[in-house]
PDB file of N, CA and C in Angstrom:
ATOM      1  N   UNK A   1     118.857  99.321 108.375  1.00  0.00           N
ATOM      2  CA  UNK A   1     117.541  98.288 108.885  1.00  0.00           C
ATOM      3  C   UNK A   1     117.939  97.808 109.852  1.00  0.00           C
ATOM      4  N   UNK A   2     117.409  98.087 111.113  1.00  0.00           N
ATOM      5  CA  UNK A   2     118.153  96.905 112.437  1.00  0.00           C
ATOM      6  C   UNK A   2     117.057  96.210 113.044  1.00  0.00           C
ATOM      7  N   UNK A   3     117.523  95.550 113.571  1.00  0.00           N
ATOM      8  CA  UNK A   3     116.416  94.325 114.434  1.00  0.00           C
ATOM      9  C   UNK A   3     117.334  94.263 115.727  1.00  0.00           C
ATOM     10  N   UNK A   4     116.425  93.659 116.850  1.00  0.00           N
ATOM     11  CA  UNK A   4     117.082  93.271 117.772  1.00  0.00           C
ATOM     12  C   UNK A   4     116.796  91.950 118.312  1.00  0.00           C
ATOM     13  N   UNK A   5     118.003  91.480 118.679  1.00  0.00           N
ATOM     14  CA  UNK A   5     118.376  90.170 119.276  1.00  0.00           C
ATOM     15  C   UNK A   5     118.934  90.197 120.598  1.00  0.00           C
ATOM     16  N   UNK A   6     118.075  89.158 121.506  1.00  0.00           N
ATOM     17  CA  UNK A   6     118.183  89.002 122.680  1.00  0.00           C
ATOM     18  C   UNK A   6     118.436  87.688 123.505  1.00  0.00           C
ATOM     19  N   UNK A   7     120.029  87.354 123.800  1.00  0.00           N
ATOM     20  CA  UNK A   7     120.173  85.751 124.478  1.00  0.00           C
ATOM     21  C   UNK A   7     119.599  86.047 125.434  1.00  0.00           C
ATOM     22  N   UNK A   8     119.382  86.603 126.161  1.00  0.00           N
ATOM     23  CA  UNK A   8     119.061  86.693 127.607  1.00  0.00           C
ATOM     24  C   UNK A   8     120.435  86.913 128.981  1.00  0.00           C
ATOM     25  N   UNK A   9     121.370  87.371 127.935  1.00  0.00           N
ATOM     26  CA  UNK A   9     122.452  86.792 128.738  1.00  0.00           C
ATOM     27  C   UNK A   9     123.215  88.262 128.276  1.00  0.00           C
ATOM     28  N   UNK A  10     122.871  89.132 127.707  1.00  0.00           N
ATOM     29  CA  UNK A  10     123.563  90.709 127.475  1.00  0.00           C
ATOM     30  C   UNK A  10     124.148  90.608 125.987  1.00  0.00           C
ATOM     31  N   UNK A  11     124.471  89.635 125.031  1.00  0.00           N
ATOM     32  CA  UNK A  11     124.642  89.121 123.548  1.00  0.00           C
ATOM     33  C   UNK A  11     126.242  89.372 123.804  1.00  0.00           C
ATOM     34  N   UNK A  12     126.418  89.239 124.686  1.00  0.00           N
ATOM     35  CA  UNK A  12     128.380  89.513 124.770  1.00  0.00           C
ATOM     36  C   UNK A  12     129.031  88.884 124.241  1.00  0.00           C
ATOM     37  N   UNK A  13     128.284  87.397 124.122  1.00  0.00           N
ATOM     38  CA  UNK A  13     129.129  86.500 123.359  1.00  0.00           C
ATOM     39  C   UNK A  13     128.194  85.921 121.809  1.00  0.00           C
ATOM     40  N   UNK A  14     127.731  86.311 121.583  1.00  0.00           N
ATOM     41  CA  UNK A  14     126.575  86.199 119.989  1.00  0.00           C
ATOM     42  C   UNK A  14     127.326  87.084 118.702  1.00  0.00           C
ATOM     43  N   UNK A  15     127.362  85.995 117.809  1.00  0.00           N
ATOM     44  CA  UNK A  15     128.043  86.425 116.396  1.00  0.00           C
ATOM     45  C   UNK A  15     126.672  86.448 115.687  1.00  0.00           C
ATOM     46  N   UNK A  16     126.893  87.816 114.752  1.00  0.00           N
ATOM     47  CA  UNK A  16     125.400  87.392 114.083  1.00  0.00           C
ATOM     48  C   UNK A  16     125.862  87.506 112.403  1.00  0.00           C
ATOM     49  N   UNK A  17     125.713  86.527 111.701  1.00  0.00           N
ATOM     50  CA  UNK A  17     125.697  86.449 110.440  1.00  0.00           C
ATOM     51  C   UNK A  17     124.512  86.389 109.314  1.00  0.00           C
ATOM     52  N   UNK A  18     124.884  86.781 108.288  1.00  0.00           N
ATOM     53  CA  UNK A  18     123.673  86.602 107.226  1.00  0.00           C
ATOM     54  C   UNK A  18     124.291  85.682 106.114  1.00  0.00           C
ATOM     55  N   UNK A  19     122.934  85.146 105.395  1.00  0.00           N
ATOM     56  CA  UNK A  19     123.115  84.034 104.458  1.00  0.00           C
ATOM     57  C   UNK A  19     123.516  84.748 103.327  1.00  0.00           C
ATOM     58  N   UNK A  20     123.146  85.900 103.005  1.00  0.00           N
ATOM     59  CA  UNK A  20     123.134  86.523 101.534  1.00  0.00           C
ATOM     60  C   UNK A  20     124.613  87.656 102.092  1.00  0.00           C
ATOM     61  N   UNK A  21     125.481  87.322 101.184  1.00  0.00           N
ATOM     62  CA  UNK A  21     126.907  87.956 101.216  1.00  0.00           C
ATOM     63  C   UNK A  21     126.698  89.361 100.679  1.00  0.00           C
ATOM     64  N   UNK A  22     125.750  89.912 100.300  1.00  0.00           N
ATOM     65  CA  UNK A  22     124.973  91.656  99.904  1.00  0.00           C
ATOM     66  C   UNK A  22     124.816  92.187 101.213  1.00  0.00           C
ATOM     67  N   UNK A  23     124.909  91.572 102.569  1.00  0.00           N
ATOM     68  CA  UNK A  23     124.591  91.971 103.438  1.00  0.00           C
ATOM     69  C   UNK A  23     125.181  91.436 104.622  1.00  0.00           C
ATOM     70  N   UNK A  24     125.376  92.711 105.981  1.00  0.00           N
ATOM     71  CA  UNK A  24     126.416  92.447 107.034  1.00  0.00           C
ATOM     72  C   UNK A  24     125.337  92.509 107.773  1.00  0.00           C
ATOM     73  N   UNK A  25     125.826  91.898 109.368  1.00  0.00           N
ATOM     74  CA  UNK A  25     124.989  92.190 110.331  1.00  0.00           C
ATOM     75  C   UNK A  25     126.096  92.788 111.343  1.00  0.00           C
ATOM     76  N   UNK A  26     125.743  93.326 112.096  1.00  0.00           N
ATOM     77  CA  UNK A  26     126.736  94.246 113.100  1.00  0.00           C
ATOM     78  C   UNK A  26     125.941  93.762 114.543  1.00  0.00           C
ATOM     79  N   UNK A  27     126.910  93.860 115.536  1.00  0.00           N
ATOM     80  CA  UNK A  27     126.399  93.139 116.579  1.00  0.00           C
ATOM     81  C   UNK A  27     125.672  94.088 117.285  1.00  0.00           C
ATOM     82  N   UNK A  28     125.457  95.023 116.934  1.00  0.00           N
ATOM     83  CA  UNK A  28     124.138  95.969 117.531  1.00  0.00           C
ATOM     84  C   UNK A  28     122.699  95.415 116.693  1.00  0.00           C
ATOM     85  N   UNK A  29     122.717  94.525 115.582  1.00  0.00           N
ATOM     86  CA  UNK A  29     121.522  94.343 115.003  1.00  0.00           C
ATOM     87  C   UNK A  29     121.390  94.990 113.893  1.00  0.00           C
ATOM     88  N   UNK A  30     121.962  95.968 113.311  1.00  0.00           N
ATOM     89  CA  UNK A  30     122.364  96.696 112.141  1.00  0.00           C
ATOM     90  C   UNK A  30     122.631  96.214 110.766  1.00  0.00           C
ATOM     91  N   UNK A  31     121.900  96.040 110.002  1.00  0.00           N
ATOM     92  CA  UNK A  31     122.228  95.611 108.773  1.00  0.00           C
ATOM     93  C   UNK A  31     122.547  96.429 107.605  1.00  0.00           C
ATOM     94  N   UNK A  32     123.560  96.131 107.123  1.00  0.00           N
ATOM     95  CA  UNK A  32     123.966  97.378 105.995  1.00  0.00           C
ATOM     96  C   UNK A  32     124.592  96.168 104.800  1.00  0.00           C
ATOM     97  N   UNK A  33     124.398  96.970 103.655  1.00  0.00           N
ATOM     98  CA  UNK A  33     124.664  96.510 102.492  1.00  0.00           C
ATOM     99  C   UNK A  33     125.571  96.485 102.116  1.00  0.00           C
ATOM    100  N   UNK A  34     126.909  95.359 101.715  1.00  0.00           N
ATOM    101  CA  UNK A  34     127.817  95.839 101.711  1.00  0.00           C
ATOM    102  C   UNK A  34     128.562  96.241 100.288  1.00  0.00           C
ATOM    103  N   UNK A  35     127.396  96.791  99.117  1.00  0.00           N
ATOM    104  CA  UNK A  35     127.724  97.712  97.969  1.00  0.00           C
ATOM    105  C   UNK A  35     127.436  98.880  98.331  1.00  0.00           C
ATOM    106  N   UNK A  36     127.613 100.271  97.774  1.00  0.00           N
ATOM    107  CA  UNK A  36     127.096 101.353  98.344  1.00  0.00           C
ATOM    108  C   UNK A  36     125.573 101.414  97.541  1.00  0.00           C
ATOM    109  N   UNK A  37     125.090 100.820  96.557  1.00  0.00           N
ATOM    110  CA  UNK A  37     123.638 100.630  96.223  1.00  0.00           C
ATOM    111  C   UNK A  37     123.269  99.291  95.578  1.00  0.00           C
ATOM    112  N   UNK A  38     122.370  99.129  96.398  1.00  0.00           N
ATOM    113  CA  UNK A  38     121.512  98.130  95.640  1.00  0.00           C
ATOM    114  C   UNK A  38     119.976  98.015  94.901  1.00  0.00           C
ATOM    115  N   UNK A  39     119.706  97.737  94.108  1.00  0.00           N
ATOM    116  CA  UNK A  39     118.430  97.927  93.183  1.00  0.00           C
ATOM    117  C   UNK A  39     117.414  97.315  93.699  1.00  0.00           C
ATOM    118  N   UNK A  40     116.508  97.355  94.157  1.00  0.00           N
ATOM    119  CA  UNK A  40     115.669  96.292  95.135  1.00  0.00           C
ATOM    120  C   UNK A  40     114.410  96.563  94.184  1.00  0.00           C
ATOM    121  N   UNK A  41     114.156  95.836  93.054  1.00  0.00           N
ATOM    122  CA  UNK A  41     113.060  95.433  92.169  1.00  0.00           C
ATOM    123  C   UNK A  41     111.937  94.287  92.748  1.00  0.00           C
ATOM    124  N   UNK A  42     112.671  93.492  93.333  1.00  0.00           N
ATOM    125  CA  UNK A  42     111.746  92.182  93.814  1.00  0.00           C
ATOM    126  C   UNK A  42     112.419  92.352  95.633  1.00  0.00           C
ATOM    127  N   UNK A  43     111.254  91.275  95.970  1.00  0.00           N
ATOM    128  CA  UNK A  43     111.594  91.252  97.884  1.00  0.00           C
ATOM    129  C   UNK A  43     113.011  90.318  97.684  1.00  0.00           C
ATOM    130  N   UNK A  44     113.757  90.498  98.661  1.00  0.00           N
ATOM    131  CA  UNK A  44     115.026  89.317  99.200  1.00  0.00           C
ATOM    132  C   UNK A  44     114.559  89.098 100.343  1.00  0.00           C
ATOM    133  N   UNK A  45     115.247  87.502 100.526  1.00  0.00           N
ATOM    134  CA  UNK A  45     114.818  87.020 102.003  1.00  0.00           C
ATOM    135  C   UNK A  45     116.405  86.588 101.889  1.00  0.00           C
ATOM    136  N   UNK A  46     116.599  86.598 103.496  1.00  0.00           N
ATOM    137  CA  UNK A  46     117.993  86.105 103.893  1.00  0.00           C
ATOM    138  C   UNK A  46     118.109  85.458 105.287  1.00  0.00           C
ATOM    139  N   UNK A  47     118.548  84.910 105.513  1.00  0.00           N
ATOM    140  CA  UNK A  47     118.818  84.138 106.832  1.00  0.00           C
ATOM    141  C   UNK A  47     119.667  84.999 107.724  1.00  0.00           C
ATOM    142  N   UNK A  48     119.399  85.303 109.217  1.00  0.00           N
ATOM    143  CA  UNK A  48     120.045  85.892 109.995  1.00  0.00           C
ATOM    144  C   UNK A  48     120.226  84.751 110.858  1.00  0.00           C
ATOM    145  N   UNK A  49     121.606  84.371 111.225  1.00  0.00           N
ATOM    146  CA  UNK A  49     122.160  83.111 112.071  1.00  0.00           C
ATOM    147  C   UNK A  49     123.120  84.166 113.367  1.00  0.00           C
ATOM    148  N   UNK A  50     122.333  83.912 114.708  1.00  0.00           N
ATOM    149  CA  UNK A  50     122.908  84.100 115.582  1.00  0.00           C
ATOM    150  C   UNK A  50     123.697  82.800 116.711  1.00  0.00           C
ATOM    151  N   UNK A  51     124.866  82.746 116.637  1.00  0.00           N
ATOM    152  CA  UNK A  51     126.246  81.509 116.976  1.00  0.00           C
ATOM    153  C   UNK A  51     126.508  82.367 118.649  1.00  0.00           C
ATOM    154  N   UNK A  52     126.494  81.249 119.490  1.00  0.00           N
ATOM    155  CA  UNK A  52     127.100  81.683 120.531  1.00  0.00           C
ATOM    156  C   UNK A  52     128.787  81.439 120.418  1.00  0.00           C
ATOM    157  N   UNK A  53     129.526  81.838 121.154  1.00  0.00           N
ATOM    158  CA  UNK A  53     130.713  81.837 121.026  1.00  0.00           C
ATOM    159  C   UNK A  53     131.349  80.064 120.664  1.00  0.00           C
ATOM    160  N   UNK A  54     130.664  79.423 121.735  1.00  0.00           N
ATOM    161  CA  UNK A  54     130.944  78.004 121.978  1.00  0.00           C
ATOM    162  C   UNK A  54     130.343  77.343 121.156  1.00  0.00           C
ATOM    163  N   UNK A  55     129.656  77.961 120.196  1.00  0.00           N
ATOM    164  CA  UNK A  55     128.461  77.307 119.190  1.00  0.00           C
ATOM    165  C   UNK A  55     127.769  76.034 119.435  1.00  0.00           C
ATOM    166  N   UNK A  56     127.493  76.213 120.862  1.00  0.00           N
ATOM    167  CA  UNK A  56     126.754  75.707 121.758  1.00  0.00           C
ATOM    168  C   UNK A  56     125.067  75.490 121.008  1.00  0.00           C
ATOM    169  N   UNK A  57     124.908  77.316 121.137  1.00  0.00           N
ATOM    170  CA  UNK A  57     123.382  77.544 120.802  1.00  0.00           C
ATOM    171  C   UNK A  57     123.393  78.267 119.479  1.00  0.00           C
ATOM    172  N   UNK A  58     122.477  78.038 118.189  1.00  0.00           N
ATOM    173  CA  UNK A  58     122.425  78.696 117.398  1.00  0.00           C
ATOM    174  C   UNK A  58     120.987  79.323 117.218  1.00  0.00           C
ATOM    175  N   UNK A  59     120.861  80.107 116.972  1.00  0.00           N
ATOM    176  CA  UNK A  59     119.210  80.846 116.443  1.00  0.00           C
ATOM    177  C   UNK A  59     119.296  81.345 115.044  1.00  0.00           C
ATOM    178  N   UNK A  60     118.025  81.322 114.725  1.00  0.00           N
ATOM    179  CA  UNK A  60     117.807  81.979 112.928  1.00  0.00           C
ATOM    180  C   UNK A  60     116.484  82.664 113.044  1.00  0.00           C
ATOM    181  N   UNK A  61     116.706  83.534 111.902  1.00  0.00           N
ATOM    182  CA  UNK A  61     115.510  84.365 111.307  1.00  0.00           C
ATOM    183  C   UNK A  61     115.381  84.562 110.287  1.00  0.00           C
ATOM    184  N   UNK A  62     114.326  84.909 109.623  1.00  0.00           N
ATOM    185  CA  UNK A  62     114.457  85.173 108.080  1.00  0.00           C
ATOM    186  C   UNK A  62     114.300  86.867 107.638  1.00  0.00           C
ATOM    187  N   UNK A  63     114.873  87.379 107.307  1.00  0.00           N
ATOM    188  CA  UNK A  63     114.880  88.801 106.644  1.00  0.00           C
ATOM    189  C   UNK A  63     114.076  88.918 105.468  1.00  0.00           C
ATOM    190  N   UNK A  64     113.059  89.716 105.370  1.00  0.00           N
ATOM    191  CA  UNK A  64     112.536  90.194 104.002  1.00  0.00           C
ATOM    192  C   UNK A  64     112.418  91.332 103.483  1.00  0.00           C
ATOM    193  N   UNK A  65     113.412  92.007 102.628  1.00  0.00           N
ATOM    194  CA  UNK A  65     113.224  92.805 102.347  1.00  0.00           C
ATOM    195  C   UNK A  65     112.566  93.279 101.132  1.00  0.00           C
ATOM    196  N   UNK A  66     111.672  94.498 101.182  1.00  0.00           N
ATOM    197  CA  UNK A  66     110.871  94.609  99.683  1.00  0.00           C
ATOM    198  C   UNK A  66     110.783  96.002  99.393  1.00  0.00           C
ATOM    199  N   UNK A  67     110.562  95.972  98.098  1.00  0.00           N
ATOM    200  CA  UNK A  67     110.788  97.375  97.336  1.00  0.00           C
ATOM    201  C   UNK A  67     109.684  98.333  98.209  1.00  0.00           C
ATOM    202  N   UNK A  68     109.557  99.434  98.271  1.00  0.00           N
ATOM    203  CA  UNK A  68     108.840 100.667  98.580  1.00  0.00           C
ATOM    204  C   UNK A  68     107.672 100.508  97.818  1.00  0.00           C
ATOM    205  N   UNK A  69     106.244 100.460  97.956  1.00  0.00           N
ATOM    206  CA  UNK A  69     105.481 100.838  97.226  1.00  0.00           C
ATOM    207  C   UNK A  69     104.871 102.088  97.263  1.00  0.00           C
ATOM    208  N   UNK A  70     104.790 103.311  96.225  1.00  0.00           N
ATOM    209  CA  UNK A  70     104.066 104.450  96.200  1.00  0.00           C
ATOM    210  C   UNK A  70     103.007 104.047  95.658  1.00  0.00           C
ATOM    211  N   UNK A  71     101.965 104.736  96.176  1.00  0.00           N
ATOM    212  CA  UNK A  71     100.805 104.995  95.961  1.00  0.00           C
ATOM    213  C   UNK A  71     100.423 106.515  95.542  1.00  0.00           C
ATOM    214  N   UNK A  72      99.284 106.199  94.480  1.00  0.00           N
ATOM    215  CA  UNK A  72      98.951 107.640  93.709  1.00  0.00           C
ATOM    216  C   UNK A  72      97.575 108.131  94.576  1.00  0.00           C
ATOM    217  N   UNK A  73      97.738 108.889  94.832  1.00  0.00           N
ATOM    218  CA  UNK A  73      96.315 109.691  95.254  1.00  0.00           C
ATOM    219  C   UNK A  73      95.645 109.730  93.858  1.00  0.00           C
ATOM    220  N   UNK A  74      94.372 109.384  93.917  1.00  0.00           N
ATOM    221  CA  UNK A  74      93.300 109.540  92.997  1.00  0.00           C
ATOM    222  C   UNK A  74      92.529 110.908  93.532  1.00  0.00           C
ATOM    223  N   UNK A  75      92.385 111.882  92.391  1.00  0.00           N
ATOM    224  CA  UNK A  75      91.676 112.736  92.880  1.00  0.00           C
ATOM    225  C   UNK A  75      90.346 113.173  91.961  1.00  0.00           C
ATOM    226  N   UNK A  76      90.347 112.305  90.975  1.00  0.00           N
ATOM    227  CA  UNK A  76      89.356 112.565  89.824  1.00  0.00           C
ATOM    228  C   UNK A  76      88.355 111.007  89.993  1.00  0.00           C
ATOM    229  N   UNK A  77      87.306 111.070  89.705  1.00  0.00           N
ATOM    230  CA  UNK A  77      86.558 109.838  89.725  1.00  0.00           C
ATOM    231  C   UNK A  77      85.336 110.131  88.513  1.00  0.00           C
ATOM    232  N   UNK A  78      84.354 109.276  88.136  1.00  0.00           N
ATOM    233  CA  UNK A  78      83.659 109.530  86.920  1.00  0.00           C
ATOM    234  C   UNK A  78      82.347 108.818  87.740  1.00  0.00           C
ATOM    235  N   UNK A  79      81.198 109.724  87.484  1.00  0.00           N
ATOM    236  CA  UNK A  79      80.013 109.463  87.699  1.00  0.00           C
ATOM    237  C   UNK A  79      79.109 108.611  86.783  1.00  0.00           C
ATOM    238  N   UNK A  80      78.425 107.820  87.220  1.00  0.00           N
ATOM    239  CA  UNK A  80      77.551 107.451  85.966  1.00  0.00           C
ATOM    240  C   UNK A  80      76.609 108.631  85.164  1.00  0.00           C
ATOM    241  N   UNK A  81      76.429 108.395  83.889  1.00  0.00           N
ATOM    242  CA  UNK A  81      75.616 109.324  83.112  1.00  0.00           C
ATOM    243  C   UNK A  81      74.269 109.589  83.376  1.00  0.00           C
ATOM    244  N   UNK A  82      73.465 108.790  83.940  1.00  0.00           N
ATOM    245  CA  UNK A  82      72.414 108.809  84.353  1.00  0.00           C
ATOM    246  C   UNK A  82      72.352 108.088  86.208  1.00  0.00           C
ATOM    247  N   UNK A  83      71.278 109.433  86.583  1.00  0.00           N
ATOM    248  CA  UNK A  83      71.285 109.006  88.240  1.00  0.00           C
ATOM    249  C   UNK A  83      70.220 108.683  88.324  1.00  0.00           C
ATOM    250  N   UNK A  84      70.195 107.714  89.532  1.00  0.00           N
ATOM    251  CA  UNK A  84      69.148 106.906  90.248  1.00  0.00           C
ATOM    252  C   UNK A  84      67.892 107.866  90.454  1.00  0.00           C
ATOM    253  N   UNK A  85      67.142 107.607  90.308  1.00  0.00           N
ATOM    254  CA  UNK A  85      65.638 108.362  90.518  1.00  0.00           C
ATOM    255  C   UNK A  85      65.545 108.867  91.744  1.00  0.00           C
ATOM    256  N   UNK A  86      65.515 110.334  92.141  1.00  0.00           N
ATOM    257  CA  UNK A  86      65.985 110.903  93.320  1.00  0.00           C
ATOM    258  C   UNK A  86      66.912 111.419  93.935  1.00  0.00           C
ATOM    259  N   UNK A  87      67.949 111.378  93.190  1.00  0.00           N
ATOM    260  CA  UNK A  87      69.178 111.808  93.274  1.00  0.00           C
ATOM    261  C   UNK A  87      69.716 113.074  92.252  1.00  0.00           C
ATOM    262  N   UNK A  88      68.303 113.362  91.250  1.00  0.00           N
ATOM    263  CA  UNK A  88      68.761 114.621  90.398  1.00  0.00           C
ATOM    264  C   UNK A  88      69.200 115.804  90.886  1.00  0.00           C
TER     265      UNK A  88
END
């Protein structure tokens, strides 16, 4: 996953931190899992904090990761046994 942060000064002096130790945030906004595999059965929320190097400014946002929902295509359907008049 990747997100974009812009401090209007080129992001040269910004540090990005995750509130969840299972994830780390790179300077370019890439989000990486700290472990090889994370099973995502339920949504995970964590906060990303951007700190100016002088700690004078702090920005925060919440990241929500959700499991992928796979939808099945339904190819069969049932018709009522009796047709309305005129549709026979």
